[in-house]
Amino acid sequence: MFEANVSITNNTEYHLTIWGDGPHKFVLEPFSNVQWVSSETSNIKDIHFSQDPNVFFVSGEIIFGQNDGVYLNRGYMPEDNQFIEMITNVNGKEWTQNSNGGNLILQPKEFQNGGNISLIFNQR
């Protein structure tokens, strides 16, 4: 049975909105966190940073599932102003994004049964 445990920490002064397919939609206040468990075999979540809710200035994505593996992208920022970094740990594999461009952290065969996804967003 597939099960993904997702934990997201927002250590920035910005709101972080998470939405997409499935039942989970969250608006994280600055300096807060959320956790949820997904048994959906395919998950696509958009992530958006904003100073005011629903006025987004950085948009990224989280994609995970049995046939997707785990793909993470904090979102595009100007090269000379990478002011939010994303620190990830997916089933023990760590990656930090502090420049543009997402990363396929785990291949589908490495996430067949799911696992743990931890994202921490820090303001730089």
PDB file of N, CA and C in Angstrom:
ATOM      1  N   MET A   1       0.837  -1.187   0.000  1.00  0.00           N
ATOM      2  CA  MET A   1       0.000   0.000   0.000  1.00  0.00           C
ATOM      3  C   MET A   1       0.884   1.255   0.000  1.00  0.00           C
ATOM      4  N   PHE A   2       0.561   2.208  -0.842  1.00  0.00           N
ATOM      5  CA  PHE A   2       1.321   3.453  -0.951  1.00  0.00           C
ATOM      6  C   PHE A   2       0.897   4.410   0.161  1.00  0.00           C
ATOM      7  N   GLU A   3       1.906   5.032   0.799  1.00  0.00           N
ATOM      8  CA  GLU A   3       1.636   6.051   1.809  1.00  0.00           C
ATOM      9  C   GLU A   3       2.809   7.014   1.857  1.00  0.00           C
ATOM     10  N   ALA A   4       2.512   8.293   1.684  1.00  0.00           N
ATOM     11  CA  ALA A   4       3.543   9.330   1.766  1.00  0.00           C
ATOM     12  C   ALA A   4       3.241  10.234   2.952  1.00  0.00           C
ATOM     13  N   ASN A   5       4.234  10.412   3.809  1.00  0.00           N
ATOM     14  CA  ASN A   5       4.147  11.321   4.952  1.00  0.00           C
ATOM     15  C   ASN A   5       4.856  12.610   4.565  1.00  0.00           C
ATOM     16  N   VAL A   6       4.118  13.694   4.492  1.00  0.00           N
ATOM     17  CA  VAL A   6       4.659  14.970   4.015  1.00  0.00           C
ATOM     18  C   VAL A   6       4.697  15.967   5.174  1.00  0.00           C
ATOM     19  N   SER A   7       5.838  16.614   5.318  1.00  0.00           N
ATOM     20  CA  SER A   7       6.022  17.639   6.347  1.00  0.00           C
ATOM     21  C   SER A   7       6.637  18.866   5.685  1.00  0.00           C
ATOM     22  N   ILE A   8       6.012  20.019   5.860  1.00  0.00           N
ATOM     23  CA  ILE A   8       6.518  21.265   5.275  1.00  0.00           C
ATOM     24  C   ILE A   8       6.618  22.315   6.372  1.00  0.00           C
ATOM     25  N   THR A   9       7.795  22.932   6.463  1.00  0.00           N
ATOM     26  CA  THR A   9       8.041  23.997   7.431  1.00  0.00           C
ATOM     27  C   THR A   9       8.341  25.280   6.674  1.00  0.00           C
ATOM     28  N   ASN A  10       7.630  26.333   7.015  1.00  0.00           N
ATOM     29  CA  ASN A  10       7.804  27.637   6.395  1.00  0.00           C
ATOM     30  C   ASN A  10       8.518  28.564   7.377  1.00  0.00           C
ATOM     31  N   ASN A  11       9.843  28.653   7.249  1.00  0.00           N
ATOM     32  CA  ASN A  11      10.641  29.537   8.103  1.00  0.00           C
ATOM     33  C   ASN A  11      10.911  30.867   7.405  1.00  0.00           C
ATOM     34  N   THR A  12       9.891  31.422   6.752  1.00  0.00           N
ATOM     35  CA  THR A  12      10.039  32.707   6.068  1.00  0.00           C
ATOM     36  C   THR A  12       8.989  33.678   6.594  1.00  0.00           C
ATOM     37  N   GLU A  13       9.109  34.920   6.206  1.00  0.00           N
ATOM     38  CA  GLU A  13       8.123  35.937   6.583  1.00  0.00           C
ATOM     39  C   GLU A  13       6.964  35.988   5.594  1.00  0.00           C
ATOM     40  N   TYR A  14       6.895  35.017   4.683  1.00  0.00           N
ATOM     41  CA  TYR A  14       5.880  35.000   3.629  1.00  0.00           C
ATOM     42  C   TYR A  14       4.838  33.917   3.890  1.00  0.00           C
ATOM     43  N   HIS A  15       3.649  34.111   3.337  1.00  0.00           N
ATOM     44  CA  HIS A  15       2.616  33.077   3.347  1.00  0.00           C
ATOM     45  C   HIS A  15       3.023  32.019   2.321  1.00  0.00           C
ATOM     46  N   LEU A  16       2.709  30.768   2.595  1.00  0.00           N
ATOM     47  CA  LEU A  16       2.998  29.674   1.669  1.00  0.00           C
ATOM     48  C   LEU A  16       1.697  28.913   1.432  1.00  0.00           C
ATOM     49  N   THR A  17       1.191  28.987   0.195  1.00  0.00           N
ATOM     50  CA  THR A  17      -0.033  28.294  -0.174  1.00  0.00           C
ATOM     51  C   THR A  17       0.334  27.016  -0.905  1.00  0.00           C
ATOM     52  N   ILE A  18      -0.299  25.912  -0.512  1.00  0.00           N
ATOM     53  CA  ILE A  18      -0.060  24.601  -1.106  1.00  0.00           C
ATOM     54  C   ILE A  18      -1.408  24.077  -1.577  1.00  0.00           C
ATOM     55  N   TRP A  19      -1.525  23.804  -2.878  1.00  0.00           N
ATOM     56  CA  TRP A  19      -2.766  23.222  -3.368  1.00  0.00           C
ATOM     57  C   TRP A  19      -2.507  22.390  -4.598  1.00  0.00           C
ATOM     58  N   GLY A  20      -3.507  21.645  -4.991  1.00  0.00           N
ATOM     59  CA  GLY A  20      -3.387  20.789  -6.167  1.00  0.00           C
ATOM     60  C   GLY A  20      -4.390  19.667  -6.075  1.00  0.00           C
ATOM     61  N   ASP A  21      -4.096  18.560  -6.764  1.00  0.00           N
ATOM     62  CA  ASP A  21      -5.018  17.438  -6.726  1.00  0.00           C
ATOM     63  C   ASP A  21      -5.064  16.843  -5.324  1.00  0.00           C
ATOM     64  N   GLY A  22      -6.116  16.130  -5.045  1.00  0.00           N
ATOM     65  CA  GLY A  22      -6.256  15.516  -3.734  1.00  0.00           C
ATOM     66  C   GLY A  22      -6.932  16.459  -2.752  1.00  0.00           C
ATOM     67  N   PRO A  23      -7.155  15.976  -1.550  1.00  0.00           N
ATOM     68  CA  PRO A  23      -7.958  16.724  -0.583  1.00  0.00           C
ATOM     69  C   PRO A  23      -7.200  17.792   0.199  1.00  0.00           C
ATOM     70  N   HIS A  24      -5.903  17.886   0.030  1.00  0.00           N
ATOM     71  CA  HIS A  24      -5.124  18.746   0.915  1.00  0.00           C
ATOM     72  C   HIS A  24      -4.813  20.090   0.278  1.00  0.00           C
ATOM     73  N   LYS A  25      -5.300  21.178   0.905  1.00  0.00           N
ATOM     74  CA  LYS A  25      -4.947  22.549   0.539  1.00  0.00           C
ATOM     75  C   LYS A  25      -4.647  23.283   1.829  1.00  0.00           C
ATOM     76  N   PHE A  26      -3.522  23.981   1.837  1.00  0.00           N
ATOM     77  CA  PHE A  26      -3.100  24.659   3.054  1.00  0.00           C
ATOM     78  C   PHE A  26      -2.611  26.057   2.714  1.00  0.00           C
ATOM     79  N   VAL A  27      -2.809  26.982   3.626  1.00  0.00           N
ATOM     80  CA  VAL A  27      -2.139  28.276   3.591  1.00  0.00           C
ATOM     81  C   VAL A  27      -1.358  28.369   4.893  1.00  0.00           C
ATOM     82  N   LEU A  28      -0.040  28.262   4.772  1.00  0.00           N
ATOM     83  CA  LEU A  28       0.822  28.335   5.947  1.00  0.00           C
ATOM     84  C   LEU A  28       1.167  29.786   6.217  1.00  0.00           C
ATOM     85  N   GLU A  29       0.947  30.179   7.430  1.00  0.00           N
ATOM     86  CA  GLU A  29       1.367  31.503   7.861  1.00  0.00           C
ATOM     87  C   GLU A  29       2.892  31.522   7.953  1.00  0.00           C
ATOM     88  N   PRO A  30       3.499  32.699   8.004  1.00  0.00           N
ATOM     89  CA  PRO A  30       4.946  32.758   8.219  1.00  0.00           C
ATOM     90  C   PRO A  30       5.326  32.001   9.498  1.00  0.00           C
ATOM     91  N   PHE A  31       6.446  31.327   9.445  1.00  0.00           N
ATOM     92  CA  PHE A  31       7.018  30.609  10.582  1.00  0.00           C
ATOM     93  C   PHE A  31       6.042  29.577  11.172  1.00  0.00           C
ATOM     94  N   SER A  32       5.519  28.726  10.285  1.00  0.00           N
ATOM     95  CA  SER A  32       4.605  27.666  10.719  1.00  0.00           C
ATOM     96  C   SER A  32       4.888  26.399   9.917  1.00  0.00           C
ATOM     97  N   ASN A  33       4.188  25.324  10.252  1.00  0.00           N
ATOM     98  CA  ASN A  33       4.404  24.076   9.521  1.00  0.00           C
ATOM     99  C   ASN A  33       3.099  23.308   9.394  1.00  0.00           C
ATOM    100  N   VAL A  34       3.139  22.282   8.541  1.00  0.00           N
ATOM    101  CA  VAL A  34       1.988  21.419   8.321  1.00  0.00           C
ATOM    102  C   VAL A  34       2.494  20.016   8.006  1.00  0.00           C
ATOM    103  N   GLN A  35       1.693  19.032   8.350  1.00  0.00           N
ATOM    104  CA  GLN A  35       1.997  17.640   8.027  1.00  0.00           C
ATOM    105  C   GLN A  35       0.722  16.977   7.540  1.00  0.00           C
ATOM    106  N   TRP A  36       0.876  16.038   6.601  1.00  0.00           N
ATOM    107  CA  TRP A  36      -0.266  15.245   6.179  1.00  0.00           C
ATOM    108  C   TRP A  36       0.223  13.919   5.618  1.00  0.00           C
ATOM    109  N   VAL A  37      -0.695  12.988   5.512  1.00  0.00           N
ATOM    110  CA  VAL A  37      -0.413  11.673   4.949  1.00  0.00           C
ATOM    111  C   VAL A  37      -1.265  11.520   3.697  1.00  0.00           C
ATOM    112  N   SER A  38      -0.648  11.071   2.602  1.00  0.00           N
ATOM    113  CA  SER A  38      -1.365  10.842   1.357  1.00  0.00           C
ATOM    114  C   SER A  38      -1.260   9.377   0.962  1.00  0.00           C
ATOM    115  N   SER A  39      -2.395   8.789   0.653  1.00  0.00           N
ATOM    116  CA  SER A  39      -2.408   7.443   0.090  1.00  0.00           C
ATOM    117  C   SER A  39      -2.734   7.488  -1.401  1.00  0.00           C
ATOM    118  N   GLU A  40      -2.867   8.704  -1.954  1.00  0.00           N
ATOM    119  CA  GLU A  40      -3.071   8.880  -3.397  1.00  0.00           C
ATOM    120  C   GLU A  40      -1.798   8.463  -4.115  1.00  0.00           C
ATOM    121  N   THR A  41      -1.910   7.674  -5.170  1.00  0.00           N
ATOM    122  CA  THR A  41      -0.715   7.157  -5.837  1.00  0.00           C
ATOM    123  C   THR A  41      -0.068   8.174  -6.767  1.00  0.00           C
ATOM    124  N   SER A  42      -0.724   9.315  -7.003  1.00  0.00           N
ATOM    125  CA  SER A  42      -0.131  10.406  -7.777  1.00  0.00           C
ATOM    126  C   SER A  42      -0.564  11.719  -7.148  1.00  0.00           C
ATOM    127  N   ASN A  43       0.404  12.573  -6.830  1.00  0.00           N
ATOM    128  CA  ASN A  43       0.139  13.844  -6.155  1.00  0.00           C
ATOM    129  C   ASN A  43       0.876  14.961  -6.875  1.00  0.00           C
ATOM    130  N   ILE A  44       0.144  15.996  -7.239  1.00  0.00           N
ATOM    131  CA  ILE A  44       0.746  17.189  -7.837  1.00  0.00           C
ATOM    132  C   ILE A  44       0.258  18.378  -7.029  1.00  0.00           C
ATOM    133  N   LYS A  45       1.197  19.052  -6.375  1.00  0.00           N
ATOM    134  CA  LYS A  45       0.864  20.199  -5.538  1.00  0.00           C
ATOM    135  C   LYS A  45       1.635  21.414  -6.023  1.00  0.00           C
ATOM    136  N   ASP A  46       0.923  22.517  -6.199  1.00  0.00           N
ATOM    137  CA  ASP A  46       1.559  23.796  -6.485  1.00  0.00           C
ATOM    138  C   ASP A  46       1.884  24.464  -5.161  1.00  0.00           C
ATOM    139  N   ILE A  47       3.018  25.138  -5.117  1.00  0.00           N
ATOM    140  CA  ILE A  47       3.372  25.915  -3.930  1.00  0.00           C
ATOM    141  C   ILE A  47       3.576  27.363  -4.360  1.00  0.00           C
ATOM    142  N   HIS A  48       3.062  28.283  -3.565  1.00  0.00           N
ATOM    143  CA  HIS A  48       3.113  29.702  -3.910  1.00  0.00           C
ATOM    144  C   HIS A  48       3.479  30.518  -2.672  1.00  0.00           C
ATOM    145  N   PHE A  49       4.463  31.378  -2.821  1.00  0.00           N
ATOM    146  CA  PHE A  49       4.825  32.310  -1.758  1.00  0.00           C
ATOM    147  C   PHE A  49       4.183  33.659  -2.049  1.00  0.00           C
ATOM    148  N   SER A  50       3.751  34.332  -0.977  1.00  0.00           N
ATOM    149  CA  SER A  50       3.129  35.645  -1.136  1.00  0.00           C
ATOM    150  C   SER A  50       3.298  36.450   0.140  1.00  0.00           C
ATOM    151  N   GLN A  51       3.295  37.781  -0.016  1.00  0.00           N
ATOM    152  CA  GLN A  51       3.264  38.640   1.168  1.00  0.00           C
ATOM    153  C   GLN A  51       1.830  38.769   1.660  1.00  0.00           C
ATOM    154  N   ASP A  52       0.906  38.852   0.732  1.00  0.00           N
ATOM    155  CA  ASP A  52      -0.525  38.845   1.034  1.00  0.00           C
ATOM    156  C   ASP A  52      -1.097  37.570   0.425  1.00  0.00           C
ATOM    157  N   PRO A  53      -1.967  36.868   1.136  1.00  0.00           N
ATOM    158  CA  PRO A  53      -2.519  35.636   0.556  1.00  0.00           C
ATOM    159  C   PRO A  53      -3.103  35.880  -0.832  1.00  0.00           C
ATOM    160  N   ASN A  54      -2.826  34.967  -1.742  1.00  0.00           N
ATOM    161  CA  ASN A  54      -3.331  34.965  -3.118  1.00  0.00           C
ATOM    162  C   ASN A  54      -2.715  36.024  -4.021  1.00  0.00           C
ATOM    163  N   VAL A  55      -1.630  36.686  -3.602  1.00  0.00           N
ATOM    164  CA  VAL A  55      -0.866  37.573  -4.479  1.00  0.00           C
ATOM    165  C   VAL A  55       0.531  36.957  -4.561  1.00  0.00           C
ATOM    166  N   PHE A  56       0.689  35.988  -5.458  1.00  0.00           N
ATOM    167  CA  PHE A  56       1.876  35.147  -5.488  1.00  0.00           C
ATOM    168  C   PHE A  56       3.035  35.813  -6.225  1.00  0.00           C
ATOM    169  N   PHE A  57       4.253  35.617  -5.701  1.00  0.00           N
ATOM    170  CA  PHE A  57       5.430  36.123  -6.386  1.00  0.00           C
ATOM    171  C   PHE A  57       6.466  35.043  -6.658  1.00  0.00           C
ATOM    172  N   VAL A  58       6.339  33.875  -6.061  1.00  0.00           N
ATOM    173  CA  VAL A  58       7.187  32.719  -6.365  1.00  0.00           C
ATOM    174  C   VAL A  58       6.274  31.500  -6.392  1.00  0.00           C
ATOM    175  N   SER A  59       6.356  30.709  -7.456  1.00  0.00           N
ATOM    176  CA  SER A  59       5.516  29.520  -7.583  1.00  0.00           C
ATOM    177  C   SER A  59       6.358  28.326  -7.987  1.00  0.00           C
ATOM    178  N   GLY A  60       6.192  27.233  -7.266  1.00  0.00           N
ATOM    179  CA  GLY A  60       6.911  26.002  -7.563  1.00  0.00           C
ATOM    180  C   GLY A  60       5.962  24.827  -7.536  1.00  0.00           C
ATOM    181  N   GLU A  61       6.526  23.615  -7.370  1.00  0.00           N
ATOM    182  CA  GLU A  61       5.672  22.430  -7.384  1.00  0.00           C
ATOM    183  C   GLU A  61       6.307  21.280  -6.631  1.00  0.00           C
ATOM    184  N   ILE A  62       5.441  20.415  -6.160  1.00  0.00           N
ATOM    185  CA  ILE A  62       5.823  19.180  -5.495  1.00  0.00           C
ATOM    186  C   ILE A  62       5.052  18.072  -6.212  1.00  0.00           C
ATOM    187  N   ILE A  63       5.758  17.111  -6.770  1.00  0.00           N
ATOM    188  CA  ILE A  63       5.124  15.999  -7.461  1.00  0.00           C
ATOM    189  C   ILE A  63       5.660  14.710  -6.856  1.00  0.00           C
ATOM    190  N   PHE A  64       4.769  13.835  -6.431  1.00  0.00           N
ATOM    191  CA  PHE A  64       5.222  12.573  -5.867  1.00  0.00           C
ATOM    192  C   PHE A  64       4.163  11.493  -6.046  1.00  0.00           C
ATOM    193  N   GLY A  65       4.628  10.260  -6.176  1.00  0.00           N
ATOM    194  CA  GLY A  65       3.722   9.129  -6.306  1.00  0.00           C
ATOM    195  C   GLY A  65       4.436   7.892  -6.809  1.00  0.00           C
ATOM    196  N   GLN A  66       3.686   6.810  -6.934  1.00  0.00           N
ATOM    197  CA  GLN A  66       4.259   5.537  -7.361  1.00  0.00           C
ATOM    198  C   GLN A  66       4.864   5.610  -8.750  1.00  0.00           C
ATOM    199  N   ASN A  67       4.210   6.324  -9.664  1.00  0.00           N
ATOM    200  CA  ASN A  67       4.705   6.426 -11.035  1.00  0.00           C
ATOM    201  C   ASN A  67       5.454   7.722 -11.304  1.00  0.00           C
ATOM    202  N   ASP A  68       5.539   8.579 -10.288  1.00  0.00           N
ATOM    203  CA  ASP A  68       6.166   9.887 -10.450  1.00  0.00           C
ATOM    204  C   ASP A  68       7.531   9.975  -9.791  1.00  0.00           C
ATOM    205  N   GLY A  69       7.791   9.145  -8.786  1.00  0.00           N
ATOM    206  CA  GLY A  69       8.960   9.365  -7.947  1.00  0.00           C
ATOM    207  C   GLY A  69       8.694  10.595  -7.103  1.00  0.00           C
ATOM    208  N   VAL A  70       9.729  11.386  -6.863  1.00  0.00           N
ATOM    209  CA  VAL A  70       9.562  12.640  -6.114  1.00  0.00           C
ATOM    210  C   VAL A  70      10.330  13.729  -6.850  1.00  0.00           C
ATOM    211  N   TYR A  71       9.590  14.728  -7.362  1.00  0.00           N
ATOM    212  CA  TYR A  71      10.165  15.894  -8.036  1.00  0.00           C
ATOM    213  C   TYR A  71       9.811  17.121  -7.211  1.00  0.00           C
ATOM    214  N   LEU A  72      10.814  17.957  -6.929  1.00  0.00           N
ATOM    215  CA  LEU A  72      10.611  19.147  -6.108  1.00  0.00           C
ATOM    216  C   LEU A  72      11.187  20.374  -6.807  1.00  0.00           C
ATOM    217  N   ASN A  73      10.469  21.489  -6.730  1.00  0.00           N
ATOM    218  CA  ASN A  73      10.940  22.748  -7.297  1.00  0.00           C
ATOM    219  C   ASN A  73      10.372  23.894  -6.471  1.00  0.00           C
ATOM    220  N   ARG A  74      11.242  24.615  -5.813  1.00  0.00           N
ATOM    221  CA  ARG A  74      10.849  25.764  -4.988  1.00  0.00           C
ATOM    222  C   ARG A  74      10.197  26.854  -5.821  1.00  0.00           C
ATOM    223  N   GLY A  75      10.629  27.027  -7.049  1.00  0.00           N
ATOM    224  CA  GLY A  75      10.105  28.066  -7.925  1.00  0.00           C
ATOM    225  C   GLY A  75      11.202  29.016  -8.367  1.00  0.00           C
ATOM    226  N   TYR A  76      10.901  29.768  -9.418  1.00  0.00           N
ATOM    227  CA  TYR A  76      11.879  30.674 -10.035  1.00  0.00           C
ATOM    228  C   TYR A  76      12.023  31.960  -9.221  1.00  0.00           C
ATOM    229  N   MET A  77      13.275  32.389  -9.071  1.00  0.00           N
ATOM    230  CA  MET A  77      13.611  33.685  -8.469  1.00  0.00           C
ATOM    231  C   MET A  77      14.717  34.308  -9.303  1.00  0.00           C
ATOM    232  N   PRO A  78      14.805  35.630  -9.329  1.00  0.00           N
ATOM    233  CA  PRO A  78      15.900  36.255 -10.071  1.00  0.00           C
ATOM    234  C   PRO A  78      17.252  35.720  -9.592  1.00  0.00           C
ATOM    235  N   GLU A  79      18.152  35.490 -10.526  1.00  0.00           N
ATOM    236  CA  GLU A  79      19.460  34.908 -10.204  1.00  0.00           C
ATOM    237  C   GLU A  79      20.211  35.682  -9.126  1.00  0.00           C
ATOM    238  N   ASP A  80      20.044  36.999  -9.101  1.00  0.00           N
ATOM    239  CA  ASP A  80      20.770  37.813  -8.131  1.00  0.00           C
ATOM    240  C   ASP A  80      19.988  38.027  -6.830  1.00  0.00           C
ATOM    241  N   ASN A  81      18.862  37.309  -6.678  1.00  0.00           N
ATOM    242  CA  ASN A  81      18.052  37.475  -5.473  1.00  0.00           C
ATOM    243  C   ASN A  81      17.368  36.152  -5.113  1.00  0.00           C
ATOM    244  N   GLN A  82      18.160  35.152  -4.779  1.00  0.00           N
ATOM    245  CA  GLN A  82      17.656  33.832  -4.377  1.00  0.00           C
ATOM    246  C   GLN A  82      17.383  33.872  -2.878  1.00  0.00           C
ATOM    247  N   PHE A  83      16.289  34.522  -2.479  1.00  0.00           N
ATOM    248  CA  PHE A  83      16.061  34.850  -1.080  1.00  0.00           C
ATOM    249  C   PHE A  83      15.336  33.767  -0.285  1.00  0.00           C
ATOM    250  N   ILE A  84      14.901  32.698  -0.937  1.00  0.00           N
ATOM    251  CA  ILE A  84      14.301  31.565  -0.220  1.00  0.00           C
ATOM    252  C   ILE A  84      15.023  30.304  -0.667  1.00  0.00           C
ATOM    253  N   GLU A  85      15.481  29.502   0.298  1.00  0.00           N
ATOM    254  CA  GLU A  85      16.074  28.211  -0.040  1.00  0.00           C
ATOM    255  C   GLU A  85      15.145  27.111   0.458  1.00  0.00           C
ATOM    256  N   MET A  86      15.210  25.969  -0.230  1.00  0.00           N
ATOM    257  CA  MET A  86      14.423  24.810   0.162  1.00  0.00           C
ATOM    258  C   MET A  86      15.386  23.685   0.518  1.00  0.00           C
ATOM    259  N   ILE A  87      15.270  23.187   1.738  1.00  0.00           N
ATOM    260  CA  ILE A  87      16.075  22.059   2.195  1.00  0.00           C
ATOM    261  C   ILE A  87      15.153  20.846   2.243  1.00  0.00           C
ATOM    262  N   THR A  88      15.547  19.777   1.560  1.00  0.00           N
ATOM    263  CA  THR A  88      14.679  18.617   1.453  1.00  0.00           C
ATOM    264  C   THR A  88      15.350  17.366   2.007  1.00  0.00           C
ATOM    265  N   ASN A  89      14.516  16.486   2.502  1.00  0.00           N
ATOM    266  CA  ASN A  89      14.946  15.148   2.895  1.00  0.00           C
ATOM    267  C   ASN A  89      13.828  14.207   2.477  1.00  0.00           C
ATOM    268  N   VAL A  90      14.129  13.329   1.523  1.00  0.00           N
ATOM    269  CA  VAL A  90      13.147  12.382   1.006  1.00  0.00           C
ATOM    270  C   VAL A  90      13.703  10.979   1.226  1.00  0.00           C
ATOM    271  N   ASN A  91      13.110  10.267   2.143  1.00  0.00           N
ATOM    272  CA  ASN A  91      13.572   8.918   2.493  1.00  0.00           C
ATOM    273  C   ASN A  91      15.078   8.884   2.751  1.00  0.00           C
ATOM    274  N   GLY A  92      15.582   9.922   3.412  1.00  0.00           N
ATOM    275  CA  GLY A  92      16.992   9.990   3.771  1.00  0.00           C
ATOM    276  C   GLY A  92      17.894  10.625   2.739  1.00  0.00           C
ATOM    277  N   LYS A  93      17.375  10.911   1.536  1.00  0.00           N
ATOM    278  CA  LYS A  93      18.174  11.571   0.500  1.00  0.00           C
ATOM    279  C   LYS A  93      17.958  13.082   0.618  1.00  0.00           C
ATOM    280  N   GLU A  94      19.052  13.808   0.835  1.00  0.00           N
ATOM    281  CA  GLU A  94      18.966  15.251   1.077  1.00  0.00           C
ATOM    282  C   GLU A  94      19.350  16.057  -0.160  1.00  0.00           C
ATOM    283  N   TRP A  95      18.720  17.221  -0.304  1.00  0.00           N
ATOM    284  CA  TRP A  95      19.021  18.150  -1.396  1.00  0.00           C
ATOM    285  C   TRP A  95      18.601  19.542  -0.951  1.00  0.00           C
ATOM    286  N   THR A  96      19.416  20.534  -1.294  1.00  0.00           N
ATOM    287  CA  THR A  96      19.092  21.923  -1.002  1.00  0.00           C
ATOM    288  C   THR A  96      18.978  22.686  -2.312  1.00  0.00           C
ATOM    289  N   GLN A  97      17.872  23.403  -2.472  1.00  0.00           N
ATOM    290  CA  GLN A  97      17.687  24.238  -3.660  1.00  0.00           C
ATOM    291  C   GLN A  97      17.865  25.690  -3.262  1.00  0.00           C
ATOM    292  N   ASN A  98      18.922  26.307  -3.787  1.00  0.00           N
ATOM    293  CA  ASN A  98      19.139  27.730  -3.576  1.00  0.00           C
ATOM    294  C   ASN A  98      19.482  28.425  -4.894  1.00  0.00           C
ATOM    295  N   SER A  99      19.069  27.794  -5.994  1.00  0.00           N
ATOM    296  CA  SER A  99      19.149  28.382  -7.328  1.00  0.00           C
ATOM    297  C   SER A  99      17.960  27.860  -8.124  1.00  0.00           C
ATOM    298  N   ASN A 100      17.758  28.377  -9.316  1.00  0.00           N
ATOM    299  CA  ASN A 100      16.596  27.991 -10.109  1.00  0.00           C
ATOM    300  C   ASN A 100      16.756  26.584 -10.670  1.00  0.00           C
ATOM    301  N   GLY A 101      15.641  25.912 -10.824  1.00  0.00           N
ATOM    302  CA  GLY A 101      15.619  24.572 -11.399  1.00  0.00           C
ATOM    303  C   GLY A 101      15.301  23.518 -10.360  1.00  0.00           C
ATOM    304  N   GLY A 102      14.297  22.705 -10.643  1.00  0.00           N
ATOM    305  CA  GLY A 102      13.893  21.646  -9.730  1.00  0.00           C
ATOM    306  C   GLY A 102      14.765  20.411  -9.882  1.00  0.00           C
ATOM    307  N   ASN A 103      14.399  19.351  -9.144  1.00  0.00           N
ATOM    308  CA  ASN A 103      15.213  18.139  -9.140  1.00  0.00           C
ATOM    309  C   ASN A 103      14.320  16.931  -8.913  1.00  0.00           C
ATOM    310  N   LEU A 104      14.555  15.880  -9.694  1.00  0.00           N
ATOM    311  CA  LEU A 104      13.917  14.592  -9.456  1.00  0.00           C
ATOM    312  C   LEU A 104      14.735  13.909  -8.375  1.00  0.00           C
ATOM    313  N   ILE A 105      14.242  13.948  -7.156  1.00  0.00           N
ATOM    314  CA  ILE A 105      14.981  13.449  -5.994  1.00  0.00           C
ATOM    315  C   ILE A 105      15.022  11.920  -5.996  1.00  0.00           C
ATOM    316  N   LEU A 106      13.867  11.296  -6.224  1.00  0.00           N
ATOM    317  CA  LEU A 106      13.792   9.832  -6.281  1.00  0.00           C
ATOM    318  C   LEU A 106      13.087   9.401  -7.560  1.00  0.00           C
ATOM    319  N   GLN A 107      13.586   8.364  -8.188  1.00  0.00           N
ATOM    320  CA  GLN A 107      12.941   7.759  -9.349  1.00  0.00           C
ATOM    321  C   GLN A 107      11.672   7.032  -8.888  1.00  0.00           C
ATOM    322  N   PRO A 108      10.727   6.784  -9.807  1.00  0.00           N
ATOM    323  CA  PRO A 108       9.499   6.074  -9.415  1.00  0.00           C
ATOM    324  C   PRO A 108       9.765   4.751  -8.693  1.00  0.00           C
ATOM    325  N   LYS A 109      10.728   3.974  -9.158  1.00  0.00           N
ATOM    326  CA  LYS A 109      10.990   2.677  -8.518  1.00  0.00           C
ATOM    327  C   LYS A 109      11.491   2.848  -7.078  1.00  0.00           C
ATOM    328  N   GLU A 110      12.038   4.033  -6.750  1.00  0.00           N
ATOM    329  CA  GLU A 110      12.541   4.293  -5.405  1.00  0.00           C
ATOM    330  C   GLU A 110      11.444   4.788  -4.453  1.00  0.00           C
ATOM    331  N   PHE A 111      10.243   5.058  -4.998  1.00  0.00           N
ATOM    332  CA  PHE A 111       9.152   5.594  -4.181  1.00  0.00           C
ATOM    333  C   PHE A 111       7.872   4.779  -4.373  1.00  0.00           C
ATOM    334  N   GLN A 112       8.006   3.524  -4.772  1.00  0.00           N
ATOM    335  CA  GLN A 112       6.853   2.661  -5.045  1.00  0.00           C
ATOM    336  C   GLN A 112       5.913   2.524  -3.854  1.00  0.00           C
ATOM    337  N   ASN A 113       6.455   2.420  -2.667  1.00  0.00           N
ATOM    338  CA  ASN A 113       5.633   2.260  -1.472  1.00  0.00           C
ATOM    339  C   ASN A 113       5.445   3.564  -0.712  1.00  0.00           C
ATOM    340  N   GLY A 114       6.026   4.649  -1.237  1.00  0.00           N
ATOM    341  CA  GLY A 114       5.929   5.939  -0.568  1.00  0.00           C
ATOM    342  C   GLY A 114       7.091   6.156   0.374  1.00  0.00           C
ATOM    343  N   GLY A 115       6.839   6.906   1.435  1.00  0.00           N
ATOM    344  CA  GLY A 115       7.887   7.212   2.400  1.00  0.00           C
ATOM    345  C   GLY A 115       7.690   8.587   2.988  1.00  0.00           C
ATOM    346  N   ASN A 116       8.803   9.203   3.368  1.00  0.00           N
ATOM    347  CA  ASN A 116       8.776  10.488   4.060  1.00  0.00           C
ATOM    348  C   ASN A 116       9.349  11.590   3.184  1.00  0.00           C
ATOM    349  N   ILE A 117       8.609  12.688   3.117  1.00  0.00           N
ATOM    350  CA  ILE A 117       9.051  13.879   2.391  1.00  0.00           C
ATOM    351  C   ILE A 117       9.054  15.034   3.377  1.00  0.00           C
ATOM    352  N   SER A 118      10.219  15.637   3.584  1.00  0.00           N
ATOM    353  CA  SER A 118      10.345  16.786   4.480  1.00  0.00           C
ATOM    354  C   SER A 118      10.900  17.969   3.698  1.00  0.00           C
ATOM    355  N   LEU A 119      10.199  19.081   3.734  1.00  0.00           N
ATOM    356  CA  LEU A 119      10.635  20.312   3.073  1.00  0.00           C
ATOM    357  C   LEU A 119      10.724  21.414   4.114  1.00  0.00           C
ATOM    358  N   ILE A 120      11.828  22.130   4.108  1.00  0.00           N
ATOM    359  CA  ILE A 120      12.002  23.283   4.993  1.00  0.00           C
ATOM    360  C   ILE A 120      12.372  24.466   4.115  1.00  0.00           C
ATOM    361  N   PHE A 121      11.582  25.525   4.202  1.00  0.00           N
ATOM    362  CA  PHE A 121      11.850  26.746   3.451  1.00  0.00           C
ATOM    363  C   PHE A 121      12.416  27.788   4.408  1.00  0.00           C
ATOM    364  N   ASN A 122      13.623  28.270   4.079  1.00  0.00           N
ATOM    365  CA  ASN A 122      14.298  29.277   4.899  1.00  0.00           C
ATOM    366  C   ASN A 122      14.486  30.550   4.101  1.00  0.00           C
ATOM    367  N   GLN A 123      14.384  31.664   4.775  1.00  0.00           N
ATOM    368  CA  GLN A 123      14.665  32.945   4.153  1.00  0.00           C
ATOM    369  C   GLN A 123      16.141  33.238   4.298  1.00  0.00           C
ATOM    370  N   ARG A 124      16.774  33.648   3.213  1.00  0.00           N
ATOM    371  CA  ARG A 124      18.211  33.901   3.238  1.00  0.00           C
ATOM    372  C   ARG A 124      18.494  35.377   3.328  1.00  0.00           C
TER     373      ARG A 124
END
